Amino acid sequence: MQKMKTIGPKDLPLAEFHNALLTAIAPRPICFASTIDKDGNPNLSPFSFFNIFGSNPTRFIFSPARRVRDNTIKHTLENAIATKEVVINVVNYAMVQQMSLSSCEYPKGVSEFEKAGFTPIASEKVKPFRVKESPVQFECKVVDVIETGKEGGAGNLIIAEMVLMHISPDVLTADGKIDQHKIDLVGRLGSDWYVRASGNALFEVAKPAKNLGIGFDNLSEEIKNSTILSGNNLGMLANIEQLPDLDSVAIFQRMNKALNSIMNQDLGKESKNQLLHQLAKDFLSEGKVVEAWKTLLSK
């Protein structure tokens, strides 16, 4: 195994180190921030140093960092400090190219709504406009701005509290919840790269059982040392609250054709285990954890 590359904050030119960070910490959600200056001129700019940090109160933090190349600050930061209001619009695949265009550094007073072809719509509780094309928009009040440094690359944490949320009906399920496929969000990576959060890229991971999973320490050495089951497979197996009882294992062994076929073959222990582990892996790929365990417990 090759030795890991180890880098300190000052070991590379700042621009190179900055790009390494953005490539490693990814994907990042995009805050498409709409603000106005003290004279009422609109501004629109995307930021990927962004996330949600609580639901009660609902707090977002995004960071218009100081520019790496010349240590200047962005209009969004100036406006947030001056007016204490912002609208955070989420970005989906249908608008990502226009969003990217809005990140051009147009002179102060030039509207990125016009330059990028977005439709401004009035907010209800704050002055900055919402982006009509965005599937979800959050009207926010700025509650604090924390400066993390004075040099290029330093962050400016804008802490914003949501006062109103708007959701397009086009991204809702029949029961009124946001459909992760319909909303079709994008995330930011390093350099020119983005990621689309839809299609085969989406997968579910069951949250740990409320009553505690059995844990890796309760997996047999045979299972933990499997050459077929991956770390993710073992994580699924270890998340079960309790193992299936032997009677249900015996019934499953008789009823499942694939498992029954393996058990009736004249094979050595290692060969049989390989087939059982592969069948269990197939069940796990379908989210069938109990069936996987019944396969692994068959004798």
C-alpha atoms as a PDB file:
ATOM      1  CA  MET A   1       0.000   0.000   0.000  1.00  0.00           C
ATOM      2  CA  GLN A   2       1.356   3.415  -0.952  1.00  0.00           C
ATOM      3  CA  LYS A   3       1.931   5.976   1.763  1.00  0.00           C
ATOM      4  CA  MET A   4      -0.794   8.630   2.054  1.00  0.00           C
ATOM      5  CA  LYS A   5      -0.020  12.107   0.782  1.00  0.00           C
ATOM      6  CA  THR A   6       0.086  14.428   3.790  1.00  0.00           C
ATOM      7  CA  ILE A   7      -0.412  18.191   3.396  1.00  0.00           C
ATOM      8  CA  GLY A   8      -0.342  21.033   5.906  1.00  0.00           C
ATOM      9  CA  PRO A   9      -2.313  24.291   5.399  1.00  0.00           C
ATOM     10  CA  LYS A  10       0.813  26.136   4.255  1.00  0.00           C
ATOM     11  CA  ASP A  11       2.510  23.351   2.259  1.00  0.00           C
ATOM     12  CA  LEU A  12       0.958  24.324  -1.091  1.00  0.00           C
ATOM     13  CA  PRO A  13       0.174  27.606  -2.852  1.00  0.00           C
ATOM     14  CA  LEU A  14      -3.172  28.803  -1.502  1.00  0.00           C
ATOM     15  CA  ALA A  15      -5.073  28.317  -4.787  1.00  0.00           C
ATOM     16  CA  GLU A  16      -3.841  24.717  -5.071  1.00  0.00           C
ATOM     17  CA  PHE A  17      -4.619  23.935  -1.437  1.00  0.00           C
ATOM     18  CA  HIS A  18      -8.056  25.562  -1.791  1.00  0.00           C
ATOM     19  CA  ASN A  19      -8.856  23.317  -4.772  1.00  0.00           C
ATOM     20  CA  ALA A  20      -7.684  20.211  -2.886  1.00  0.00           C
ATOM     21  CA  LEU A  21     -10.109  21.049  -0.083  1.00  0.00           C
ATOM     22  CA  LEU A  22     -13.034  21.627  -2.446  1.00  0.00           C
ATOM     23  CA  THR A  23     -12.332  18.354  -4.232  1.00  0.00           C
ATOM     24  CA  ALA A  24     -12.136  16.372  -0.986  1.00  0.00           C
ATOM     25  CA  ILE A  25     -15.087  17.960   0.850  1.00  0.00           C
ATOM     26  CA  ALA A  26     -17.807  17.164  -1.663  1.00  0.00           C
ATOM     27  CA  PRO A  27     -20.491  17.131  -2.819  1.00  0.00           C
ATOM     28  CA  ARG A  28     -21.644  20.358  -1.196  1.00  0.00           C
ATOM     29  CA  PRO A  29     -25.186  21.791  -1.377  1.00  0.00           C
ATOM     30  CA  ILE A  30     -25.474  25.127  -3.160  1.00  0.00           C
ATOM     31  CA  CYS A  31     -26.858  28.274  -1.563  1.00  0.00           C
ATOM     32  CA  PHE A  32     -28.122  30.467  -4.403  1.00  0.00           C
ATOM     33  CA  ALA A  33     -28.284  33.692  -2.436  1.00  0.00           C
ATOM     34  CA  SER A  34     -30.458  36.618  -3.457  1.00  0.00           C
ATOM     35  CA  THR A  35     -29.732  39.936  -1.723  1.00  0.00           C
ATOM     36  CA  ILE A  36     -30.210  43.648  -2.321  1.00  0.00           C
ATOM     37  CA  ASP A  37     -27.860  46.517  -1.575  1.00  0.00           C
ATOM     38  CA  LYS A  38     -28.768  49.586   0.482  1.00  0.00           C
ATOM     39  CA  ASP A  39     -30.042  51.285  -2.687  1.00  0.00           C
ATOM     40  CA  GLY A  40     -32.351  48.395  -3.595  1.00  0.00           C
ATOM     41  CA  ASN A  41     -30.233  46.877  -6.388  1.00  0.00           C
ATOM     42  CA  PRO A  42     -30.635  43.077  -6.600  1.00  0.00           C
ATOM     43  CA  ASN A  43     -27.720  40.651  -6.472  1.00  0.00           C
ATOM     44  CA  LEU A  44     -27.682  36.911  -7.066  1.00  0.00           C
ATOM     45  CA  SER A  45     -24.737  34.612  -6.420  1.00  0.00           C
ATOM     46  CA  PRO A  46     -24.099  30.904  -5.611  1.00  0.00           C
ATOM     47  CA  PHE A  47     -22.079  29.627  -2.640  1.00  0.00           C
ATOM     48  CA  SER A  48     -21.186  26.037  -1.822  1.00  0.00           C
ATOM     49  CA  PHE A  49     -19.824  26.635   1.668  1.00  0.00           C
ATOM     50  CA  PHE A  50     -23.377  26.091   2.903  1.00  0.00           C
ATOM     51  CA  ASN A  51     -25.678  23.911   4.992  1.00  0.00           C
ATOM     52  CA  ILE A  52     -28.557  23.871   7.485  1.00  0.00           C
ATOM     53  CA  PHE A  53     -27.718  23.947  11.195  1.00  0.00           C
ATOM     54  CA  GLY A  54     -30.982  23.435  13.052  1.00  0.00           C
ATOM     55  CA  SER A  55     -34.720  23.345  12.488  1.00  0.00           C
ATOM     56  CA  ASN A  56     -35.991  25.125  15.603  1.00  0.00           C
ATOM     57  CA  PRO A  57     -35.047  27.857  14.987  1.00  0.00           C
ATOM     58  CA  THR A  58     -34.285  27.119  11.356  1.00  0.00           C
ATOM     59  CA  ARG A  59     -30.733  28.342  10.824  1.00  0.00           C
ATOM     60  CA  PHE A  60     -28.668  28.259   7.656  1.00  0.00           C
ATOM     61  CA  ILE A  61     -25.001  29.180   7.396  1.00  0.00           C
ATOM     62  CA  PHE A  62     -23.257  30.060   4.159  1.00  0.00           C
ATOM     63  CA  SER A  63     -19.890  31.642   3.616  1.00  0.00           C
ATOM     64  CA  PRO A  64     -18.943  34.168   0.938  1.00  0.00           C
ATOM     65  CA  ALA A  65     -15.225  33.560   1.470  1.00  0.00           C
ATOM     66  CA  ARG A  66     -12.642  36.230   0.741  1.00  0.00           C
ATOM     67  CA  ARG A  67     -11.356  35.757  -2.806  1.00  0.00           C
ATOM     68  CA  VAL A  68      -8.212  33.648  -2.908  1.00  0.00           C
ATOM     69  CA  ARG A  69      -6.593  35.566  -5.746  1.00  0.00           C
ATOM     70  CA  ASP A  70      -6.869  39.136  -4.406  1.00  0.00           C
ATOM     71  CA  ASN A  71      -8.410  38.964  -0.902  1.00  0.00           C
ATOM     72  CA  THR A  72     -11.483  41.029  -1.853  1.00  0.00           C
ATOM     73  CA  ILE A  73     -14.999  40.383  -0.537  1.00  0.00           C
ATOM     74  CA  LYS A  74     -18.189  39.726  -2.475  1.00  0.00           C
ATOM     75  CA  HIS A  75     -21.265  41.892  -2.981  1.00  0.00           C
ATOM     76  CA  THR A  76     -23.439  39.300  -1.227  1.00  0.00           C
ATOM     77  CA  LEU A  77     -21.470  39.793   1.988  1.00  0.00           C
ATOM     78  CA  GLU A  78     -21.680  43.570   1.748  1.00  0.00           C
ATOM     79  CA  ASN A  79     -25.449  43.378   1.168  1.00  0.00           C
ATOM     80  CA  ALA A  80     -26.089  40.881   3.976  1.00  0.00           C
ATOM     81  CA  ILE A  81     -24.285  43.125   6.437  1.00  0.00           C
ATOM     82  CA  ALA A  82     -26.073  46.244   5.193  1.00  0.00           C
ATOM     83  CA  THR A  83     -29.658  44.968   4.912  1.00  0.00           C
ATOM     84  CA  LYS A  84     -29.732  41.865   7.156  1.00  0.00           C
ATOM     85  CA  GLU A  85     -31.889  39.926   4.696  1.00  0.00           C
ATOM     86  CA  VAL A  86     -31.336  37.126   2.157  1.00  0.00           C
ATOM     87  CA  VAL A  87     -33.309  34.604   0.154  1.00  0.00           C
ATOM     88  CA  ILE A  88     -31.672  31.186  -0.178  1.00  0.00           C
ATOM     89  CA  ASN A  89     -32.785  29.395  -3.340  1.00  0.00           C
ATOM     90  CA  VAL A  90     -31.907  25.736  -3.936  1.00  0.00           C
ATOM     91  CA  VAL A  91     -30.390  24.717  -7.273  1.00  0.00           C
ATOM     92  CA  ASN A  92     -31.599  21.818  -9.399  1.00  0.00           C
ATOM     93  CA  TYR A  93     -30.304  20.369 -12.651  1.00  0.00           C
ATOM     94  CA  ALA A  94     -32.671  22.374 -14.863  1.00  0.00           C
ATOM     95  CA  MET A  95     -31.080  25.664 -13.764  1.00  0.00           C
ATOM     96  CA  VAL A  96     -27.449  24.727 -13.099  1.00  0.00           C
ATOM     97  CA  GLN A  97     -25.985  26.317 -16.244  1.00  0.00           C
ATOM     98  CA  GLN A  98     -27.787  29.611 -15.591  1.00  0.00           C
ATOM     99  CA  MET A  99     -26.715  29.470 -11.962  1.00  0.00           C
ATOM    100  CA  SER A 100     -23.101  29.081 -13.047  1.00  0.00           C
ATOM    101  CA  LEU A 101     -23.416  32.103 -15.343  1.00  0.00           C
ATOM    102  CA  SER A 102     -24.641  34.204 -12.417  1.00  0.00           C
ATOM    103  CA  SER A 103     -21.329  33.578 -10.623  1.00  0.00           C
ATOM    104  CA  CYS A 104     -19.545  35.847 -13.114  1.00  0.00           C
ATOM    105  CA  GLU A 105     -18.189  38.864 -11.291  1.00  0.00           C
ATOM    106  CA  TYR A 106     -20.318  41.571 -12.854  1.00  0.00           C
ATOM    107  CA  PRO A 107     -19.830  45.133 -11.598  1.00  0.00           C
ATOM    108  CA  LYS A 108     -21.755  46.234  -8.528  1.00  0.00           C
ATOM    109  CA  GLY A 109     -25.285  47.296  -9.457  1.00  0.00           C
ATOM    110  CA  VAL A 110     -25.562  44.883 -12.425  1.00  0.00           C
ATOM    111  CA  SER A 111     -28.429  42.418 -11.922  1.00  0.00           C
ATOM    112  CA  GLU A 112     -27.462  38.757 -12.191  1.00  0.00           C
ATOM    113  CA  PHE A 113     -31.172  38.032 -12.587  1.00  0.00           C
ATOM    114  CA  GLU A 114     -30.989  39.720 -15.980  1.00  0.00           C
ATOM    115  CA  LYS A 115     -27.550  38.423 -16.953  1.00  0.00           C
ATOM    116  CA  ALA A 116     -28.393  34.801 -16.133  1.00  0.00           C
ATOM    117  CA  GLY A 117     -32.007  34.941 -17.320  1.00  0.00           C
ATOM    118  CA  PHE A 118     -33.703  34.243 -14.002  1.00  0.00           C
ATOM    119  CA  THR A 119     -37.152  35.515 -13.054  1.00  0.00           C
ATOM    120  CA  PRO A 120     -37.302  37.642  -9.875  1.00  0.00           C
ATOM    121  CA  ILE A 121     -40.484  37.251  -7.837  1.00  0.00           C
ATOM    122  CA  ALA A 122     -41.392  39.263  -4.764  1.00  0.00           C
ATOM    123  CA  SER A 123     -40.817  37.772  -1.342  1.00  0.00           C
ATOM    124  CA  GLU A 124     -43.457  38.075   1.370  1.00  0.00           C
ATOM    125  CA  LYS A 125     -41.418  38.905   4.476  1.00  0.00           C
ATOM    126  CA  VAL A 126     -38.063  40.166   3.186  1.00  0.00           C
ATOM    127  CA  LYS A 127     -37.008  42.593   0.469  1.00  0.00           C
ATOM    128  CA  PRO A 128     -34.670  40.424  -1.698  1.00  0.00           C
ATOM    129  CA  PHE A 129     -36.349  38.673  -4.612  1.00  0.00           C
ATOM    130  CA  ARG A 130     -36.866  34.955  -4.888  1.00  0.00           C
ATOM    131  CA  VAL A 131     -35.754  32.979  -7.960  1.00  0.00           C
ATOM    132  CA  LYS A 132     -38.882  31.671  -9.661  1.00  0.00           C
ATOM    133  CA  GLU A 133     -36.983  28.838 -11.352  1.00  0.00           C
ATOM    134  CA  SER A 134     -35.757  27.427  -8.019  1.00  0.00           C
ATOM    135  CA  PRO A 135     -37.959  24.581  -6.699  1.00  0.00           C
ATOM    136  CA  VAL A 136     -37.537  25.642  -3.056  1.00  0.00           C
ATOM    137  CA  GLN A 137     -36.898  29.159  -1.713  1.00  0.00           C
ATOM    138  CA  PHE A 138     -36.203  30.258   1.865  1.00  0.00           C
ATOM    139  CA  GLU A 139     -36.831  33.830   2.992  1.00  0.00           C
ATOM    140  CA  CYS A 140     -34.342  34.607   5.753  1.00  0.00           C
ATOM    141  CA  LYS A 141     -33.238  37.258   8.215  1.00  0.00           C
ATOM    142  CA  VAL A 142     -29.502  37.580   8.819  1.00  0.00           C
ATOM    143  CA  VAL A 143     -28.862  37.167  12.548  1.00  0.00           C
ATOM    144  CA  ASP A 144     -25.062  37.271  12.601  1.00  0.00           C
ATOM    145  CA  VAL A 145     -21.947  37.428  10.425  1.00  0.00           C
ATOM    146  CA  ILE A 146     -18.760  35.822  11.748  1.00  0.00           C
ATOM    147  CA  GLU A 147     -15.452  36.713  10.120  1.00  0.00           C
ATOM    148  CA  THR A 148     -12.966  33.831  10.350  1.00  0.00           C
ATOM    149  CA  GLY A 149      -9.897  35.677   9.068  1.00  0.00           C
ATOM    150  CA  LYS A 150      -8.498  38.622   7.123  1.00  0.00           C
ATOM    151  CA  GLU A 151      -6.511  36.837   4.403  1.00  0.00           C
ATOM    152  CA  GLY A 152      -7.603  35.452   1.020  1.00  0.00           C
ATOM    153  CA  GLY A 153      -9.631  32.245   1.435  1.00  0.00           C
ATOM    154  CA  ALA A 154     -10.942  33.200   4.886  1.00  0.00           C
ATOM    155  CA  GLY A 155     -14.621  32.569   5.472  1.00  0.00           C
ATOM    156  CA  ASN A 156     -17.394  34.952   6.451  1.00  0.00           C
ATOM    157  CA  LEU A 157     -20.139  32.906   8.080  1.00  0.00           C
ATOM    158  CA  ILE A 158     -23.531  34.416   7.373  1.00  0.00           C
ATOM    159  CA  ILE A 159     -26.000  32.957   9.870  1.00  0.00           C
ATOM    160  CA  ALA A 160     -29.523  33.296   8.513  1.00  0.00           C
ATOM    161  CA  GLU A 161     -32.817  32.377  10.153  1.00  0.00           C
ATOM    162  CA  MET A 162     -35.626  31.203   7.898  1.00  0.00           C
ATOM    163  CA  VAL A 163     -38.916  33.067   8.230  1.00  0.00           C
ATOM    164  CA  LEU A 164     -40.775  31.519   5.273  1.00  0.00           C
ATOM    165  CA  MET A 165     -40.310  28.531   2.952  1.00  0.00           C
ATOM    166  CA  HIS A 166     -41.780  28.195  -0.548  1.00  0.00           C
ATOM    167  CA  ILE A 167     -41.998  24.802  -2.324  1.00  0.00           C
ATOM    168  CA  SER A 168     -42.966  24.259  -5.962  1.00  0.00           C
ATOM    169  CA  PRO A 169     -45.865  21.799  -6.359  1.00  0.00           C
ATOM    170  CA  ASP A 170     -43.875  20.237  -9.208  1.00  0.00           C
ATOM    171  CA  VAL A 171     -41.514  18.533  -6.730  1.00  0.00           C
ATOM    172  CA  LEU A 172     -44.108  17.193  -4.277  1.00  0.00           C
ATOM    173  CA  THR A 173     -45.418  13.670  -3.817  1.00  0.00           C
ATOM    174  CA  ALA A 174     -49.128  12.927  -3.627  1.00  0.00           C
ATOM    175  CA  ASP A 175     -49.003  13.308   0.165  1.00  0.00           C
ATOM    176  CA  GLY A 176     -47.289  16.707  -0.001  1.00  0.00           C
ATOM    177  CA  LYS A 177     -43.682  15.733   0.720  1.00  0.00           C
ATOM    178  CA  ILE A 178     -40.652  16.705  -1.356  1.00  0.00           C
ATOM    179  CA  ASP A 179     -39.789  13.929  -3.808  1.00  0.00           C
ATOM    180  CA  GLN A 180     -36.003  13.494  -3.932  1.00  0.00           C
ATOM    181  CA  HIS A 181     -36.190  12.393  -7.571  1.00  0.00           C
ATOM    182  CA  LYS A 182     -38.455  15.207  -8.724  1.00  0.00           C
ATOM    183  CA  ILE A 183     -36.460  17.978  -7.053  1.00  0.00           C
ATOM    184  CA  ASP A 184     -33.343  16.795  -8.964  1.00  0.00           C
ATOM    185  CA  LEU A 185     -30.815  18.776  -6.920  1.00  0.00           C
ATOM    186  CA  VAL A 186     -27.188  19.343  -7.871  1.00  0.00           C
ATOM    187  CA  GLY A 187     -24.146  19.548  -5.621  1.00  0.00           C
ATOM    188  CA  ARG A 188     -20.768  21.209  -6.055  1.00  0.00           C
ATOM    189  CA  LEU A 189     -17.496  19.336  -6.332  1.00  0.00           C
ATOM    190  CA  GLY A 190     -13.980  20.643  -7.022  1.00  0.00           C
ATOM    191  CA  SER A 191     -12.781  22.555 -10.100  1.00  0.00           C
ATOM    192  CA  ASP A 192     -15.557  22.585 -12.744  1.00  0.00           C
ATOM    193  CA  TRP A 193     -17.309  19.490 -11.430  1.00  0.00           C
ATOM    194  CA  TYR A 194     -20.886  19.110 -10.162  1.00  0.00           C
ATOM    195  CA  VAL A 195     -22.972  16.079  -9.207  1.00  0.00           C
ATOM    196  CA  ARG A 196     -26.619  15.426 -10.024  1.00  0.00           C
ATOM    197  CA  ALA A 197     -28.614  13.924  -7.153  1.00  0.00           C
ATOM    198  CA  SER A 198     -31.071  11.838  -9.125  1.00  0.00           C
ATOM    199  CA  GLY A 199     -31.456   8.564 -11.008  1.00  0.00           C
ATOM    200  CA  ASN A 200     -29.160   5.670 -10.122  1.00  0.00           C
ATOM    201  CA  ALA A 201     -26.982   7.991  -8.016  1.00  0.00           C
ATOM    202  CA  LEU A 202     -29.675   7.993  -5.297  1.00  0.00           C
ATOM    203  CA  PHE A 203     -29.715   5.214  -2.731  1.00  0.00           C
ATOM    204  CA  GLU A 204     -31.189   4.713   0.721  1.00  0.00           C
ATOM    205  CA  VAL A 205     -29.366   3.777   3.919  1.00  0.00           C
ATOM    206  CA  ALA A 206     -31.588   2.728   6.800  1.00  0.00           C
ATOM    207  CA  LYS A 207     -30.957   4.788   9.924  1.00  0.00           C
ATOM    208  CA  PRO A 208     -29.547   2.827  12.885  1.00  0.00           C
ATOM    209  CA  ALA A 209     -32.230   0.906  14.738  1.00  0.00           C
ATOM    210  CA  LYS A 210     -33.794   2.843  17.607  1.00  0.00           C
ATOM    211  CA  ASN A 211     -33.277  -0.144  19.893  1.00  0.00           C
ATOM    212  CA  LEU A 212     -29.607  -0.460  18.849  1.00  0.00           C
ATOM    213  CA  GLY A 213     -28.162  -2.737  16.188  1.00  0.00           C
ATOM    214  CA  ILE A 214     -26.195  -5.799  17.253  1.00  0.00           C
ATOM    215  CA  GLY A 215     -22.942  -4.178  16.071  1.00  0.00           C
ATOM    216  CA  PHE A 216     -19.820  -5.465  14.316  1.00  0.00           C
ATOM    217  CA  ASP A 217     -18.607  -7.086  17.537  1.00  0.00           C
ATOM    218  CA  ASN A 218     -21.481  -9.583  17.320  1.00  0.00           C
ATOM    219  CA  LEU A 219     -20.662 -10.691  13.778  1.00  0.00           C
ATOM    220  CA  SER A 220     -18.844 -13.983  13.492  1.00  0.00           C
ATOM    221  CA  GLU A 221     -15.214 -13.982  12.350  1.00  0.00           C
ATOM    222  CA  GLU A 222     -16.331 -15.976   9.321  1.00  0.00           C
ATOM    223  CA  ILE A 223     -18.678 -13.175   8.281  1.00  0.00           C
ATOM    224  CA  LYS A 224     -16.298 -10.332   9.171  1.00  0.00           C
ATOM    225  CA  ASN A 225     -13.479 -11.961   7.194  1.00  0.00           C
ATOM    226  CA  SER A 226     -15.629 -12.728   4.154  1.00  0.00           C
ATOM    227  CA  THR A 227     -13.967 -12.120   0.789  1.00  0.00           C
ATOM    228  CA  ILE A 228     -17.395 -11.425  -0.737  1.00  0.00           C
ATOM    229  CA  LEU A 229     -19.245  -9.256   1.770  1.00  0.00           C
ATOM    230  CA  SER A 230     -18.144  -5.606   1.735  1.00  0.00           C
ATOM    231  CA  GLY A 231     -17.883  -3.167   4.629  1.00  0.00           C
ATOM    232  CA  ASN A 232     -21.242  -1.724   3.604  1.00  0.00           C
ATOM    233  CA  ASN A 233     -22.732  -5.229   3.616  1.00  0.00           C
ATOM    234  CA  LEU A 234     -21.400  -5.844   7.119  1.00  0.00           C
ATOM    235  CA  GLY A 235     -22.797  -2.493   8.247  1.00  0.00           C
ATOM    236  CA  MET A 236     -26.265  -3.559   7.101  1.00  0.00           C
ATOM    237  CA  LEU A 237     -25.958  -6.903   8.861  1.00  0.00           C
ATOM    238  CA  ALA A 238     -24.754  -5.258  12.079  1.00  0.00           C
ATOM    239  CA  ASN A 239     -27.695  -2.824  12.091  1.00  0.00           C
ATOM    240  CA  ILE A 240     -30.289  -5.529  12.759  1.00  0.00           C
ATOM    241  CA  GLU A 241     -31.777  -5.476  16.273  1.00  0.00           C
ATOM    242  CA  GLN A 242     -31.801  -9.239  16.740  1.00  0.00           C
ATOM    243  CA  LEU A 243     -31.013 -12.313  14.675  1.00  0.00           C
ATOM    244  CA  PRO A 244     -33.823 -14.396  13.171  1.00  0.00           C
ATOM    245  CA  ASP A 245     -34.684 -17.495  15.189  1.00  0.00           C
ATOM    246  CA  LEU A 246     -33.527 -20.909  14.007  1.00  0.00           C
ATOM    247  CA  ASP A 247     -37.062 -22.108  13.163  1.00  0.00           C
ATOM    248  CA  SER A 248     -37.581 -19.232  10.717  1.00  0.00           C
ATOM    249  CA  VAL A 249     -34.125 -19.938   9.259  1.00  0.00           C
ATOM    250  CA  ALA A 250     -35.046 -23.597   8.656  1.00  0.00           C
ATOM    251  CA  ILE A 251     -38.361 -22.646   7.015  1.00  0.00           C
ATOM    252  CA  PHE A 252     -36.632 -20.092   4.774  1.00  0.00           C
ATOM    253  CA  GLN A 253     -34.009 -22.675   3.806  1.00  0.00           C
ATOM    254  CA  ARG A 254     -36.735 -25.055   2.617  1.00  0.00           C
ATOM    255  CA  MET A 255     -38.814 -22.397   0.839  1.00  0.00           C
ATOM    256  CA  ASN A 256     -36.145 -20.370  -0.986  1.00  0.00           C
ATOM    257  CA  LYS A 257     -35.112 -22.210  -4.144  1.00  0.00           C
ATOM    258  CA  ALA A 258     -31.679 -20.606  -4.488  1.00  0.00           C
ATOM    259  CA  LEU A 259     -30.762 -21.304  -0.862  1.00  0.00           C
ATOM    260  CA  ASN A 260     -32.225 -24.815  -0.979  1.00  0.00           C
ATOM    261  CA  SER A 261     -30.160 -25.573  -4.069  1.00  0.00           C
ATOM    262  CA  ILE A 262     -26.926 -24.485  -2.371  1.00  0.00           C
ATOM    263  CA  MET A 263     -27.633 -26.503   0.750  1.00  0.00           C
ATOM    264  CA  ASN A 264     -28.343 -29.662  -1.260  1.00  0.00           C
ATOM    265  CA  GLN A 265     -25.090 -29.523  -3.226  1.00  0.00           C
ATOM    266  CA  ASP A 266     -22.224 -31.791  -2.221  1.00  0.00           C
ATOM    267  CA  LEU A 267     -19.681 -29.047  -1.520  1.00  0.00           C
ATOM    268  CA  GLY A 268     -16.870 -28.426   0.894  1.00  0.00           C
ATOM    269  CA  LYS A 269     -17.422 -25.936   3.694  1.00  0.00           C
ATOM    270  CA  GLU A 270     -15.437 -23.133   2.036  1.00  0.00           C
ATOM    271  CA  SER A 271     -17.137 -23.504  -1.336  1.00  0.00           C
ATOM    272  CA  LYS A 272     -20.577 -23.615   0.286  1.00  0.00           C
ATOM    273  CA  ASN A 273     -19.794 -20.520   2.373  1.00  0.00           C
ATOM    274  CA  GLN A 274     -18.730 -18.654  -0.751  1.00  0.00           C
ATOM    275  CA  LEU A 275     -22.084 -19.393  -2.375  1.00  0.00           C
ATOM    276  CA  LEU A 276     -24.010 -18.505   0.789  1.00  0.00           C
ATOM    277  CA  HIS A 277     -22.136 -15.227   1.163  1.00  0.00           C
ATOM    278  CA  GLN A 278     -22.810 -14.343  -2.465  1.00  0.00           C
ATOM    279  CA  LEU A 279     -26.523 -15.085  -2.073  1.00  0.00           C
ATOM    280  CA  ALA A 280     -26.594 -13.001   1.124  1.00  0.00           C
ATOM    281  CA  LYS A 281     -24.859 -10.162  -0.742  1.00  0.00           C
ATOM    282  CA  ASP A 282     -27.543 -10.364  -3.451  1.00  0.00           C
ATOM    283  CA  PHE A 283     -30.265 -10.078  -0.799  1.00  0.00           C
ATOM    284  CA  LEU A 284     -28.487  -7.108   0.783  1.00  0.00           C
ATOM    285  CA  SER A 285     -28.309  -5.344  -2.590  1.00  0.00           C
ATOM    286  CA  GLU A 286     -32.114  -5.464  -2.545  1.00  0.00           C
ATOM    287  CA  GLY A 287     -32.297  -4.229   1.067  1.00  0.00           C
ATOM    288  CA  LYS A 288     -33.417  -7.652   2.336  1.00  0.00           C
ATOM    289  CA  VAL A 289     -31.377  -7.836   5.533  1.00  0.00           C
ATOM    290  CA  VAL A 290     -33.437 -10.504   7.304  1.00  0.00           C
ATOM    291  CA  GLU A 291     -33.244 -12.784   4.262  1.00  0.00           C
ATOM    292  CA  ALA A 292     -29.490 -12.232   4.124  1.00  0.00           C
ATOM    293  CA  TRP A 293     -29.158 -13.248   7.761  1.00  0.00           C
ATOM    294  CA  LYS A 294     -31.302 -16.339   7.250  1.00  0.00           C
ATOM    295  CA  THR A 295     -28.994 -17.311   4.397  1.00  0.00           C
ATOM    296  CA  LEU A 296     -25.845 -16.801   6.463  1.00  0.00           C
ATOM    297  CA  LEU A 297     -27.275 -18.753   9.402  1.00  0.00           C
ATOM    298  CA  SER A 298     -28.239 -21.748   7.259  1.00  0.00           C
ATOM    299  CA  LYS A 299     -26.310 -24.911   8.020  1.00  0.00           C
END
